[in-house]
Amino acid sequence: MATQSHWIGQPADSFFTFYGPPASSFPLSDGGEIFTWVGGETTRHIPAQYATSAPRKDNDFGKVTKTKTETHQTSDGRTITKTTSSSFGLIPAAPAAQLISPARTEQLYCELQITVGPDNIIRMLHATNDTHGEGVSFSRCADVLGVKKS
């Protein structure tokens, strides 16, 4: 993690002053400590995702046409043929939206394990729980600790 190189060799108090106090600590036999730090807590709302099918190209969906032909003889001897048509049918349905993923919320946060020596200098910084970041970021720890891609 790029943040590690910045904080290794720095006083733990400087880290905690900048980012906030640790959540817990565990003493080591050499006089150092392992701190657990949690920060950057936020909630992200993810809207539901839907897929819609393409609209039907057949505008006559469900249409039924009935044709009636009648032939009549007039008094003067002419033949008249009369054709009538009537149609009825269903209105094409709107494309169905299919739920792919329901709306949900995600808890975002960064959890670090920080190992310091007896002199309170950071020796190791390790992300023990790192959720997705906000937006397109893959790391909440990178978001919170200000890591920039180089």
N, C-alpha and C. Protein backbone atom coordinates (compact mmCIF):
# COMPACT_ATOMS: atom_id res chain seq x y z
N MET A 1 0.85 -1.17 0.00
CA MET A 1 0.00 0.00 0.00
C MET A 1 0.90 1.23 0.00
N ALA A 2 0.59 2.19 -0.86
CA ALA A 2 1.40 3.39 -1.01
C ALA A 2 1.45 4.20 0.29
N THR A 3 0.41 4.15 1.09
CA THR A 3 0.36 4.89 2.35
C THR A 3 1.44 4.38 3.30
N GLN A 4 1.71 3.10 3.21
CA GLN A 4 2.67 2.49 4.12
C GLN A 4 4.02 3.19 4.01
N SER A 5 4.48 3.45 2.81
CA SER A 5 5.80 4.06 2.65
C SER A 5 5.84 5.46 3.26
N HIS A 6 4.73 6.18 3.25
CA HIS A 6 4.70 7.52 3.82
C HIS A 6 4.78 7.50 5.35
N TRP A 7 4.13 6.54 5.98
CA TRP A 7 4.03 6.54 7.43
C TRP A 7 5.09 5.70 8.13
N ILE A 8 5.72 4.77 7.44
CA ILE A 8 6.78 3.97 8.08
C ILE A 8 7.90 4.93 8.52
N GLY A 9 8.31 4.79 9.78
CA GLY A 9 9.37 5.64 10.32
C GLY A 9 8.85 6.92 10.95
N GLN A 10 7.55 7.16 10.89
CA GLN A 10 6.94 8.35 11.49
C GLN A 10 6.38 7.99 12.88
N PRO A 11 6.26 8.96 13.77
CA PRO A 11 5.67 8.69 15.08
C PRO A 11 4.19 8.31 14.95
N ALA A 12 3.76 7.32 15.70
CA ALA A 12 2.36 6.89 15.69
C ALA A 12 1.46 8.04 16.12
N ASP A 13 1.92 8.88 17.05
CA ASP A 13 1.12 10.01 17.50
C ASP A 13 0.79 10.95 16.33
N SER A 14 1.70 11.10 15.39
CA SER A 14 1.45 11.96 14.23
C SER A 14 0.31 11.38 13.38
N PHE A 15 0.34 10.07 13.18
CA PHE A 15 -0.73 9.41 12.42
C PHE A 15 -2.07 9.62 13.11
N PHE A 16 -2.11 9.34 14.42
CA PHE A 16 -3.37 9.43 15.17
C PHE A 16 -3.86 10.87 15.31
N THR A 17 -2.95 11.83 15.36
CA THR A 17 -3.35 13.23 15.39
C THR A 17 -4.01 13.62 14.07
N PHE A 18 -3.47 13.11 12.98
CA PHE A 18 -3.99 13.45 11.65
C PHE A 18 -5.28 12.72 11.32
N TYR A 19 -5.37 11.41 11.65
CA TYR A 19 -6.51 10.58 11.23
C TYR A 19 -7.48 10.20 12.35
N GLY A 20 -7.13 10.45 13.59
CA GLY A 20 -8.00 10.09 14.70
C GLY A 20 -7.41 8.95 15.52
N PRO A 21 -7.93 8.75 16.73
CA PRO A 21 -7.36 7.77 17.65
C PRO A 21 -7.61 6.33 17.21
N PRO A 22 -6.80 5.42 17.73
CA PRO A 22 -6.99 4.00 17.41
C PRO A 22 -8.23 3.45 18.11
N ALA A 23 -8.77 2.39 17.54
CA ALA A 23 -9.94 1.72 18.14
C ALA A 23 -9.51 0.81 19.29
N SER A 24 -8.31 0.22 19.17
CA SER A 24 -7.81 -0.67 20.22
C SER A 24 -6.29 -0.80 20.08
N SER A 25 -5.69 -1.39 21.12
CA SER A 25 -4.24 -1.64 21.06
C SER A 25 -3.92 -2.95 21.77
N PHE A 26 -2.77 -3.51 21.38
CA PHE A 26 -2.31 -4.77 21.97
C PHE A 26 -0.81 -4.62 22.23
N PRO A 27 -0.40 -4.80 23.50
CA PRO A 27 1.03 -4.63 23.81
C PRO A 27 1.87 -5.81 23.30
N LEU A 28 3.06 -5.49 22.83
CA LEU A 28 4.00 -6.52 22.37
C LEU A 28 5.06 -6.76 23.44
N SER A 29 5.68 -7.93 23.41
CA SER A 29 6.67 -8.28 24.43
C SER A 29 7.92 -7.41 24.35
N ASP A 30 8.20 -6.82 23.18
CA ASP A 30 9.39 -5.97 23.05
C ASP A 30 9.14 -4.53 23.49
N GLY A 31 7.94 -4.24 24.01
CA GLY A 31 7.62 -2.89 24.46
C GLY A 31 6.86 -2.08 23.41
N GLY A 32 6.73 -2.62 22.22
CA GLY A 32 5.97 -1.94 21.18
C GLY A 32 4.48 -2.24 21.32
N GLU A 33 3.72 -1.82 20.35
CA GLU A 33 2.27 -2.05 20.38
C GLU A 33 1.75 -2.28 18.98
N ILE A 34 0.64 -2.99 18.91
CA ILE A 34 -0.11 -3.10 17.66
C ILE A 34 -1.42 -2.37 17.89
N PHE A 35 -1.66 -1.36 17.06
CA PHE A 35 -2.89 -0.59 17.14
C PHE A 35 -3.83 -1.01 16.01
N THR A 36 -5.11 -1.02 16.33
CA THR A 36 -6.13 -1.18 15.29
C THR A 36 -6.81 0.17 15.15
N TRP A 37 -6.78 0.68 13.92
CA TRP A 37 -7.39 1.97 13.62
C TRP A 37 -8.50 1.76 12.59
N VAL A 38 -9.64 2.39 12.80
CA VAL A 38 -10.77 2.30 11.87
C VAL A 38 -11.20 3.73 11.53
N GLY A 39 -11.37 3.99 10.25
CA GLY A 39 -11.78 5.33 9.84
C GLY A 39 -12.48 5.33 8.49
N GLY A 40 -12.95 6.49 8.13
CA GLY A 40 -13.60 6.66 6.83
C GLY A 40 -14.97 6.04 6.73
N GLU A 41 -15.64 5.86 7.86
CA GLU A 41 -16.95 5.23 7.85
C GLU A 41 -17.96 6.11 7.11
N THR A 42 -18.65 5.52 6.18
CA THR A 42 -19.72 6.19 5.47
C THR A 42 -20.63 5.13 4.86
N THR A 43 -21.80 5.57 4.44
CA THR A 43 -22.77 4.66 3.82
C THR A 43 -22.98 5.11 2.38
N ARG A 44 -22.95 4.16 1.49
CA ARG A 44 -23.19 4.46 0.07
C ARG A 44 -24.48 3.78 -0.35
N HIS A 45 -25.37 4.54 -1.01
CA HIS A 45 -26.62 3.99 -1.52
C HIS A 45 -26.40 3.56 -2.97
N ILE A 46 -26.78 2.34 -3.27
CA ILE A 46 -26.67 1.82 -4.63
C ILE A 46 -28.09 1.57 -5.13
N PRO A 47 -28.51 2.29 -6.17
CA PRO A 47 -29.89 2.13 -6.67
C PRO A 47 -30.09 0.77 -7.33
N ALA A 48 -31.34 0.38 -7.43
CA ALA A 48 -31.69 -0.88 -8.10
C ALA A 48 -31.27 -0.80 -9.56
N GLN A 49 -30.94 -1.95 -10.12
CA GLN A 49 -30.57 -2.01 -11.54
C GLN A 49 -31.58 -2.89 -12.26
N TYR A 50 -32.02 -2.38 -13.40
CA TYR A 50 -33.02 -3.07 -14.19
C TYR A 50 -32.50 -3.28 -15.61
N ALA A 51 -33.00 -4.32 -16.25
CA ALA A 51 -32.75 -4.55 -17.67
C ALA A 51 -34.10 -4.54 -18.35
N THR A 52 -34.18 -3.90 -19.50
CA THR A 52 -35.44 -3.90 -20.24
C THR A 52 -35.23 -4.64 -21.55
N SER A 53 -36.27 -5.35 -21.95
CA SER A 53 -36.18 -6.06 -23.22
C SER A 53 -36.46 -5.05 -24.33
N ALA A 54 -36.00 -5.36 -25.52
CA ALA A 54 -36.22 -4.47 -26.66
C ALA A 54 -37.70 -4.46 -27.01
N PRO A 55 -38.23 -3.31 -27.43
CA PRO A 55 -39.64 -3.26 -27.81
C PRO A 55 -39.92 -4.15 -29.02
N ARG A 56 -41.15 -4.66 -29.08
CA ARG A 56 -41.54 -5.52 -30.19
C ARG A 56 -41.54 -4.72 -31.48
N LYS A 57 -41.09 -5.32 -32.56
CA LYS A 57 -41.12 -4.68 -33.86
C LYS A 57 -42.46 -4.90 -34.53
N ASP A 58 -43.18 -5.90 -34.10
CA ASP A 58 -44.47 -6.23 -34.70
C ASP A 58 -45.53 -5.36 -34.04
N ASN A 59 -45.99 -4.32 -34.74
CA ASN A 59 -46.98 -3.42 -34.17
C ASN A 59 -48.37 -4.03 -34.13
N ASP A 60 -48.55 -5.18 -34.74
CA ASP A 60 -49.86 -5.83 -34.77
C ASP A 60 -49.95 -6.94 -33.73
N PHE A 61 -49.23 -6.80 -32.65
CA PHE A 61 -49.21 -7.81 -31.60
C PHE A 61 -50.64 -8.13 -31.15
N GLY A 62 -51.06 -9.35 -31.32
CA GLY A 62 -52.37 -9.79 -30.85
C GLY A 62 -53.52 -9.30 -31.70
N LYS A 63 -53.26 -8.74 -32.85
CA LYS A 63 -54.32 -8.17 -33.68
C LYS A 63 -55.05 -9.27 -34.46
N VAL A 64 -56.39 -9.15 -34.45
CA VAL A 64 -57.23 -10.09 -35.20
C VAL A 64 -58.07 -9.27 -36.17
N THR A 65 -58.06 -9.66 -37.44
CA THR A 65 -58.86 -8.97 -38.45
C THR A 65 -59.93 -9.91 -38.95
N LYS A 66 -61.18 -9.41 -38.98
CA LYS A 66 -62.30 -10.20 -39.46
C LYS A 66 -62.81 -9.51 -40.73
N THR A 67 -62.88 -10.26 -41.80
CA THR A 67 -63.36 -9.71 -43.08
C THR A 67 -64.67 -10.37 -43.46
N LYS A 68 -65.62 -9.54 -43.91
CA LYS A 68 -66.94 -10.04 -44.31
C LYS A 68 -67.22 -9.53 -45.72
N THR A 69 -67.57 -10.43 -46.62
CA THR A 69 -67.90 -10.04 -47.99
C THR A 69 -69.35 -10.38 -48.26
N GLU A 70 -70.09 -9.39 -48.80
CA GLU A 70 -71.51 -9.58 -49.15
C GLU A 70 -71.70 -9.22 -50.62
N THR A 71 -72.45 -10.03 -51.32
CA THR A 71 -72.76 -9.75 -52.72
C THR A 71 -74.27 -9.56 -52.84
N HIS A 72 -74.68 -8.47 -53.55
CA HIS A 72 -76.10 -8.15 -53.74
C HIS A 72 -76.39 -7.95 -55.23
N GLN A 73 -77.56 -8.32 -55.60
CA GLN A 73 -78.06 -8.07 -56.96
C GLN A 73 -79.02 -6.88 -56.86
N THR A 74 -78.78 -5.85 -57.65
CA THR A 74 -79.68 -4.69 -57.64
C THR A 74 -80.85 -4.94 -58.58
N SER A 75 -81.87 -4.10 -58.48
CA SER A 75 -83.08 -4.26 -59.30
C SER A 75 -82.81 -4.05 -60.78
N ASP A 76 -81.78 -3.32 -61.11
CA ASP A 76 -81.46 -3.12 -62.52
C ASP A 76 -80.50 -4.17 -63.05
N GLY A 77 -80.19 -5.21 -62.26
CA GLY A 77 -79.39 -6.32 -62.74
C GLY A 77 -77.90 -6.23 -62.44
N ARG A 78 -77.48 -5.18 -61.78
CA ARG A 78 -76.04 -5.08 -61.46
C ARG A 78 -75.73 -5.91 -60.22
N THR A 79 -74.47 -6.38 -60.16
CA THR A 79 -74.00 -7.12 -58.98
C THR A 79 -73.08 -6.20 -58.19
N ILE A 80 -73.37 -6.07 -56.93
CA ILE A 80 -72.53 -5.23 -56.05
C ILE A 80 -71.93 -6.15 -54.98
N THR A 81 -70.61 -6.04 -54.87
CA THR A 81 -69.90 -6.80 -53.83
C THR A 81 -69.39 -5.79 -52.80
N LYS A 82 -69.73 -6.04 -51.58
CA LYS A 82 -69.33 -5.14 -50.49
C LYS A 82 -68.47 -5.95 -49.51
N THR A 83 -67.26 -5.44 -49.25
CA THR A 83 -66.36 -6.10 -48.30
C THR A 83 -66.16 -5.18 -47.12
N THR A 84 -66.30 -5.70 -45.91
CA THR A 84 -66.05 -4.93 -44.69
C THR A 84 -65.04 -5.68 -43.84
N SER A 85 -64.20 -4.92 -43.22
CA SER A 85 -63.20 -5.51 -42.33
C SER A 85 -63.28 -4.83 -40.98
N SER A 86 -63.06 -5.57 -39.96
CA SER A 86 -62.95 -4.99 -38.62
C SER A 86 -61.78 -5.67 -37.93
N SER A 87 -61.07 -4.88 -37.16
CA SER A 87 -59.90 -5.40 -36.45
C SER A 87 -60.02 -5.07 -34.97
N PHE A 88 -59.50 -5.94 -34.21
CA PHE A 88 -59.37 -5.68 -32.79
C PHE A 88 -58.14 -6.42 -32.31
N GLY A 89 -57.62 -6.01 -31.19
CA GLY A 89 -56.43 -6.68 -30.68
C GLY A 89 -55.95 -6.04 -29.40
N LEU A 90 -54.86 -6.53 -28.96
CA LEU A 90 -54.25 -6.03 -27.72
C LEU A 90 -53.29 -4.91 -28.05
N ILE A 91 -53.20 -3.96 -27.16
CA ILE A 91 -52.20 -2.92 -27.32
C ILE A 91 -50.86 -3.54 -26.95
N PRO A 92 -49.84 -3.31 -27.75
CA PRO A 92 -48.54 -3.90 -27.41
C PRO A 92 -48.10 -3.46 -26.02
N ALA A 93 -47.66 -4.40 -25.24
CA ALA A 93 -47.21 -4.10 -23.89
C ALA A 93 -45.88 -3.36 -23.94
N ALA A 94 -45.69 -2.48 -22.95
CA ALA A 94 -44.40 -1.81 -22.83
C ALA A 94 -43.36 -2.86 -22.50
N PRO A 95 -42.13 -2.64 -22.91
CA PRO A 95 -41.09 -3.62 -22.59
C PRO A 95 -41.03 -3.86 -21.09
N ALA A 96 -40.93 -5.10 -20.70
CA ALA A 96 -40.89 -5.45 -19.28
C ALA A 96 -39.52 -5.12 -18.72
N ALA A 97 -39.51 -4.52 -17.54
CA ALA A 97 -38.25 -4.24 -16.85
C ALA A 97 -38.00 -5.39 -15.89
N GLN A 98 -36.82 -5.97 -16.00
CA GLN A 98 -36.47 -7.11 -15.15
C GLN A 98 -35.46 -6.63 -14.11
N LEU A 99 -35.77 -6.88 -12.83
CA LEU A 99 -34.88 -6.49 -11.75
C LEU A 99 -33.63 -7.36 -11.78
N ILE A 100 -32.49 -6.71 -11.89
CA ILE A 100 -31.22 -7.44 -11.90
C ILE A 100 -30.59 -7.43 -10.51
N SER A 101 -30.67 -6.24 -9.87
CA SER A 101 -30.07 -6.09 -8.55
C SER A 101 -30.92 -5.11 -7.74
N PRO A 102 -31.40 -5.50 -6.56
CA PRO A 102 -32.24 -4.58 -5.77
C PRO A 102 -31.41 -3.43 -5.19
N ALA A 103 -32.09 -2.36 -4.82
CA ALA A 103 -31.41 -1.23 -4.17
C ALA A 103 -30.82 -1.72 -2.86
N ARG A 104 -29.69 -1.17 -2.51
CA ARG A 104 -29.04 -1.60 -1.26
C ARG A 104 -28.12 -0.49 -0.76
N THR A 105 -27.65 -0.65 0.45
CA THR A 105 -26.66 0.26 1.00
C THR A 105 -25.43 -0.55 1.36
N GLU A 106 -24.29 0.08 1.25
CA GLU A 106 -23.02 -0.55 1.63
C GLU A 106 -22.35 0.32 2.68
N GLN A 107 -21.78 -0.30 3.67
CA GLN A 107 -20.99 0.40 4.68
C GLN A 107 -19.55 0.42 4.18
N LEU A 108 -18.98 1.60 4.08
CA LEU A 108 -17.60 1.75 3.63
C LEU A 108 -16.73 2.16 4.82
N TYR A 109 -15.55 1.55 4.93
CA TYR A 109 -14.63 1.92 5.99
C TYR A 109 -13.26 1.33 5.69
N CYS A 110 -12.30 1.79 6.46
CA CYS A 110 -10.92 1.31 6.35
C CYS A 110 -10.47 0.88 7.75
N GLU A 111 -9.88 -0.31 7.82
CA GLU A 111 -9.33 -0.79 9.09
C GLU A 111 -7.86 -1.11 8.88
N LEU A 112 -7.03 -0.52 9.72
CA LEU A 112 -5.58 -0.72 9.63
C LEU A 112 -5.03 -1.33 10.90
N GLN A 113 -3.99 -2.12 10.72
CA GLN A 113 -3.20 -2.62 11.84
C GLN A 113 -1.87 -1.89 11.76
N ILE A 114 -1.54 -1.17 12.83
CA ILE A 114 -0.33 -0.35 12.84
C ILE A 114 0.59 -0.88 13.94
N THR A 115 1.75 -1.34 13.53
CA THR A 115 2.73 -1.87 14.49
C THR A 115 3.78 -0.80 14.77
N VAL A 116 3.97 -0.50 16.06
CA VAL A 116 4.97 0.49 16.46
C VAL A 116 5.99 -0.16 17.39
N GLY A 117 7.19 0.38 17.35
CA GLY A 117 8.24 -0.11 18.25
C GLY A 117 8.13 0.55 19.61
N PRO A 118 9.02 0.19 20.55
CA PRO A 118 9.00 0.78 21.88
C PRO A 118 9.20 2.30 21.84
N ASP A 119 9.78 2.80 20.74
CA ASP A 119 10.01 4.24 20.58
C ASP A 119 8.80 4.96 19.98
N ASN A 120 7.68 4.24 19.78
CA ASN A 120 6.42 4.77 19.22
C ASN A 120 6.54 5.16 17.74
N ILE A 121 7.53 4.60 17.06
CA ILE A 121 7.73 4.84 15.62
C ILE A 121 7.04 3.71 14.85
N ILE A 122 6.31 4.08 13.81
CA ILE A 122 5.59 3.07 13.01
C ILE A 122 6.58 2.21 12.24
N ARG A 123 6.45 0.89 12.45
CA ARG A 123 7.28 -0.09 11.74
C ARG A 123 6.53 -0.73 10.57
N MET A 124 5.22 -0.93 10.78
CA MET A 124 4.43 -1.60 9.75
C MET A 124 3.01 -1.06 9.80
N LEU A 125 2.44 -0.91 8.62
CA LEU A 125 1.05 -0.46 8.50
C LEU A 125 0.40 -1.42 7.49
N HIS A 126 -0.67 -2.06 7.94
CA HIS A 126 -1.29 -3.11 7.12
C HIS A 126 -2.81 -2.96 7.13
N ALA A 127 -3.42 -2.93 5.94
CA ALA A 127 -4.88 -2.87 5.84
C ALA A 127 -5.44 -4.26 6.15
N THR A 128 -6.20 -4.36 7.24
CA THR A 128 -6.79 -5.65 7.62
C THR A 128 -8.22 -5.79 7.12
N ASN A 129 -8.87 -4.67 6.84
CA ASN A 129 -10.22 -4.71 6.28
C ASN A 129 -10.41 -3.43 5.48
N ASP A 130 -10.54 -3.58 4.18
CA ASP A 130 -10.63 -2.44 3.28
C ASP A 130 -11.79 -2.66 2.32
N THR A 131 -12.86 -1.87 2.47
CA THR A 131 -14.01 -2.01 1.59
C THR A 131 -13.73 -1.27 0.28
N HIS A 132 -14.67 -1.39 -0.65
CA HIS A 132 -14.58 -0.60 -1.88
C HIS A 132 -14.61 0.87 -1.49
N GLY A 133 -14.00 1.68 -2.30
CA GLY A 133 -14.02 3.12 -2.06
C GLY A 133 -15.27 3.75 -2.63
N GLU A 134 -15.34 5.07 -2.52
CA GLU A 134 -16.47 5.79 -3.10
C GLU A 134 -16.20 5.98 -4.59
N GLY A 135 -17.28 6.10 -5.36
CA GLY A 135 -17.13 6.27 -6.81
C GLY A 135 -16.54 5.03 -7.44
N VAL A 136 -15.49 5.20 -8.21
CA VAL A 136 -14.88 4.06 -8.90
C VAL A 136 -13.65 3.53 -8.19
N SER A 137 -13.36 4.05 -7.01
CA SER A 137 -12.19 3.61 -6.26
C SER A 137 -12.38 2.18 -5.74
N PHE A 138 -11.29 1.41 -5.76
CA PHE A 138 -11.33 0.04 -5.27
C PHE A 138 -10.92 -0.08 -3.81
N SER A 139 -10.55 1.04 -3.17
CA SER A 139 -10.04 0.98 -1.82
C SER A 139 -10.51 2.16 -0.98
N ARG A 140 -11.24 1.87 0.10
CA ARG A 140 -11.65 2.93 1.01
C ARG A 140 -10.44 3.47 1.75
N CYS A 141 -9.48 2.61 2.06
CA CYS A 141 -8.27 3.07 2.74
C CYS A 141 -7.53 4.09 1.86
N ALA A 142 -7.45 3.83 0.56
CA ALA A 142 -6.80 4.78 -0.35
C ALA A 142 -7.57 6.10 -0.37
N ASP A 143 -8.91 6.03 -0.36
CA ASP A 143 -9.72 7.25 -0.32
C ASP A 143 -9.41 8.06 0.94
N VAL A 144 -9.45 7.41 2.08
CA VAL A 144 -9.32 8.10 3.37
C VAL A 144 -7.91 8.62 3.59
N LEU A 145 -6.93 7.81 3.21
CA LEU A 145 -5.54 8.20 3.49
C LEU A 145 -4.94 9.03 2.37
N GLY A 146 -5.74 9.35 1.35
CA GLY A 146 -5.28 10.26 0.30
C GLY A 146 -4.24 9.70 -0.63
N VAL A 147 -4.30 8.40 -0.89
CA VAL A 147 -3.33 7.79 -1.80
C VAL A 147 -3.71 8.16 -3.23
N LYS A 148 -2.77 8.68 -3.97
CA LYS A 148 -2.98 9.03 -5.38
C LYS A 148 -2.26 8.02 -6.26
N LYS A 149 -2.90 7.68 -7.39
CA LYS A 149 -2.23 6.78 -8.35
C LYS A 149 -1.12 7.56 -9.01
N SER A 150 0.00 6.89 -9.19
CA SER A 150 1.11 7.59 -9.86
C SER A 150 1.27 7.11 -11.27
